[in-house]
Amino acid sequence: MTQNMDDNNKYIKKILLIILLTNIPAILSLPWFFKQSISWILGSLGSCANFYWLAYNLKKSIGLLPTKSRVHSTKGSLARYAVLTVFALAVFFLVKPNIIVFGAGLLSAQIVIYIVEIVGNLRNNKYFRG
């Protein structure tokens, strides 16, 4: 059980690090593409917070009875989505970002998870070891 938790913690840290590393080009391009860069930065930070909160809720649900786990995960999901909605609305009204880039930033956790899994599967594929 401890090994799985350590693996999960490493995976979560890996995903969050990759998301935060995508902000480096956005920060460097702020002078030229301010609206797009700030949209990506805010979206990816929202995605990081959402992903971390999801992982935290999952850790808290492990070991609970099924009914308590269901209630806990439902409350956690509703709270996460409510906070994410308030965050997105606040960004829309205060910053007025590029909506497409902001949405892509909000999806950055899912995009990074897919990329990490594809790369991992290709590395472990006996036909693709090159």
Protein backbone atom coordinates (compact mmCIF):
# COMPACT_ATOMS: atom_id res chain seq x y z
CA MET A 1 0.00 0.00 0.00
CA THR A 2 2.82 2.42 0.84
CA GLN A 3 4.56 1.68 -2.45
CA ASN A 4 1.40 2.54 -4.38
CA MET A 5 1.00 5.79 -2.44
CA ASP A 6 4.64 6.70 -3.17
CA ASP A 7 4.11 5.94 -6.86
CA ASN A 8 0.95 8.07 -6.87
CA ASN A 9 2.75 10.94 -5.18
CA LYS A 10 5.57 10.76 -7.74
CA TYR A 11 3.05 10.68 -10.59
CA ILE A 12 1.16 13.70 -9.20
CA LYS A 13 4.39 15.65 -8.75
CA LYS A 14 5.49 14.73 -12.28
CA ILE A 15 2.22 15.95 -13.80
CA LEU A 16 2.26 19.19 -11.80
CA LEU A 17 5.91 19.84 -12.70
CA ILE A 18 5.26 19.40 -16.41
CA ILE A 19 2.25 21.73 -16.25
CA LEU A 20 4.26 24.37 -14.44
CA LEU A 21 7.13 23.99 -16.93
CA THR A 22 4.73 24.89 -19.74
CA ASN A 23 4.41 28.30 -18.12
CA ILE A 24 8.07 29.13 -18.84
CA PRO A 25 7.49 29.82 -22.57
CA ALA A 26 4.31 31.72 -21.66
CA ILE A 27 6.22 33.90 -19.19
CA LEU A 28 9.00 34.51 -21.71
CA SER A 29 6.50 35.55 -24.38
CA LEU A 30 4.54 37.93 -22.12
CA PRO A 31 5.94 41.12 -23.74
CA TRP A 32 4.86 40.06 -27.24
CA PHE A 33 1.70 38.02 -26.64
CA PHE A 34 0.42 39.34 -23.32
CA LYS A 35 -3.23 38.34 -23.66
CA GLN A 36 -2.47 34.80 -24.85
CA SER A 37 0.35 34.28 -22.34
CA ILE A 38 -1.62 35.48 -19.33
CA SER A 39 -4.56 33.35 -20.50
CA TRP A 40 -2.37 30.23 -20.62
CA ILE A 41 -0.72 30.98 -17.28
CA LEU A 42 -4.03 31.51 -15.46
CA GLY A 43 -5.62 28.48 -17.12
CA SER A 44 -2.74 26.17 -16.31
CA LEU A 45 -2.59 27.40 -12.71
CA GLY A 46 -6.30 26.68 -12.40
CA SER A 47 -5.71 23.25 -13.89
CA CYS A 48 -2.86 22.58 -11.44
CA ALA A 49 -5.03 23.56 -8.49
CA ASN A 50 -7.91 21.44 -9.75
CA PHE A 51 -5.69 18.39 -10.33
CA TYR A 52 -3.99 18.72 -6.95
CA TRP A 53 -7.33 19.09 -5.19
CA LEU A 54 -8.62 15.99 -6.99
CA ALA A 55 -5.57 13.99 -5.86
CA TYR A 56 -6.00 15.27 -2.29
CA ASN A 57 -9.66 14.22 -2.25
CA LEU A 58 -8.71 10.81 -3.58
CA LYS A 59 -6.13 10.29 -0.82
CA LYS A 60 -8.72 11.24 1.79
CA SER A 61 -11.26 8.78 0.35
CA ILE A 62 -8.95 5.77 0.49
CA GLY A 63 -9.87 3.48 3.36
CA LEU A 64 -13.37 4.86 3.90
CA LEU A 65 -16.49 2.74 3.77
CA PRO A 66 -18.15 2.74 0.34
CA THR A 67 -21.05 4.98 1.36
CA LYS A 68 -18.80 7.49 3.12
CA SER A 69 -16.39 7.41 0.19
CA ARG A 70 -19.23 8.16 -2.23
CA VAL A 71 -20.48 11.08 -0.14
CA HIS A 72 -16.95 12.42 0.37
CA SER A 73 -16.08 12.23 -3.33
CA THR A 74 -19.37 13.86 -4.34
CA LYS A 75 -18.90 16.74 -1.92
CA GLY A 76 -15.27 17.13 -2.98
CA SER A 77 -16.14 17.14 -6.68
CA LEU A 78 -18.94 19.67 -6.25
CA ALA A 79 -16.68 21.94 -4.18
CA ARG A 80 -13.87 21.68 -6.75
CA TYR A 81 -16.16 22.49 -9.64
CA ALA A 82 -17.76 25.38 -7.77
CA VAL A 83 -14.38 26.92 -6.97
CA LEU A 84 -13.17 26.32 -10.54
CA THR A 85 -16.31 28.00 -11.90
CA VAL A 86 -15.88 31.00 -9.63
CA PHE A 87 -12.20 31.20 -10.63
CA ALA A 88 -13.03 31.03 -14.34
CA LEU A 89 -15.76 33.67 -14.04
CA ALA A 90 -13.47 35.94 -12.05
CA VAL A 91 -10.76 35.60 -14.70
CA PHE A 92 -13.28 36.24 -17.49
CA PHE A 93 -14.62 39.41 -15.92
CA LEU A 94 -11.40 40.82 -14.44
CA VAL A 95 -8.70 39.83 -16.92
CA LYS A 96 -10.75 39.24 -20.10
CA PRO A 97 -8.43 36.51 -21.42
CA ASN A 98 -8.32 34.80 -24.78
CA ILE A 99 -11.03 32.22 -24.15
CA ILE A 100 -9.54 29.51 -26.38
CA VAL A 101 -6.08 29.71 -24.78
CA PHE A 102 -7.57 29.94 -21.27
CA GLY A 103 -9.67 26.83 -21.96
CA ALA A 104 -6.62 24.99 -23.28
CA GLY A 105 -4.77 26.00 -20.12
CA LEU A 106 -7.61 24.61 -18.01
CA LEU A 107 -7.26 21.34 -19.92
CA SER A 108 -3.49 21.21 -19.49
CA ALA A 109 -3.63 18.55 -16.76
CA GLN A 110 -5.59 16.21 -19.00
CA ILE A 111 -3.31 16.94 -21.95
CA VAL A 112 -0.18 16.26 -19.88
CA ILE A 113 -1.64 13.02 -18.49
CA TYR A 114 -2.31 11.77 -22.03
CA ILE A 115 1.18 12.73 -23.19
CA VAL A 116 2.86 11.07 -20.18
CA GLU A 117 0.87 7.87 -20.69
CA ILE A 118 1.55 7.75 -24.43
CA VAL A 119 5.29 8.27 -23.90
CA GLY A 120 5.32 5.64 -21.14
CA ASN A 121 3.52 3.11 -23.33
CA LEU A 122 5.87 3.78 -26.24
CA ARG A 123 8.91 3.29 -24.00
CA ASN A 124 7.57 -0.04 -22.77
CA ASN A 125 6.50 -1.26 -26.21
CA LYS A 126 8.82 -4.00 -27.46
CA TYR A 127 8.31 -2.93 -31.09
CA PHE A 128 9.18 0.72 -30.50
CA ARG A 129 12.39 0.47 -28.47
CA GLY A 130 14.59 1.43 -31.40
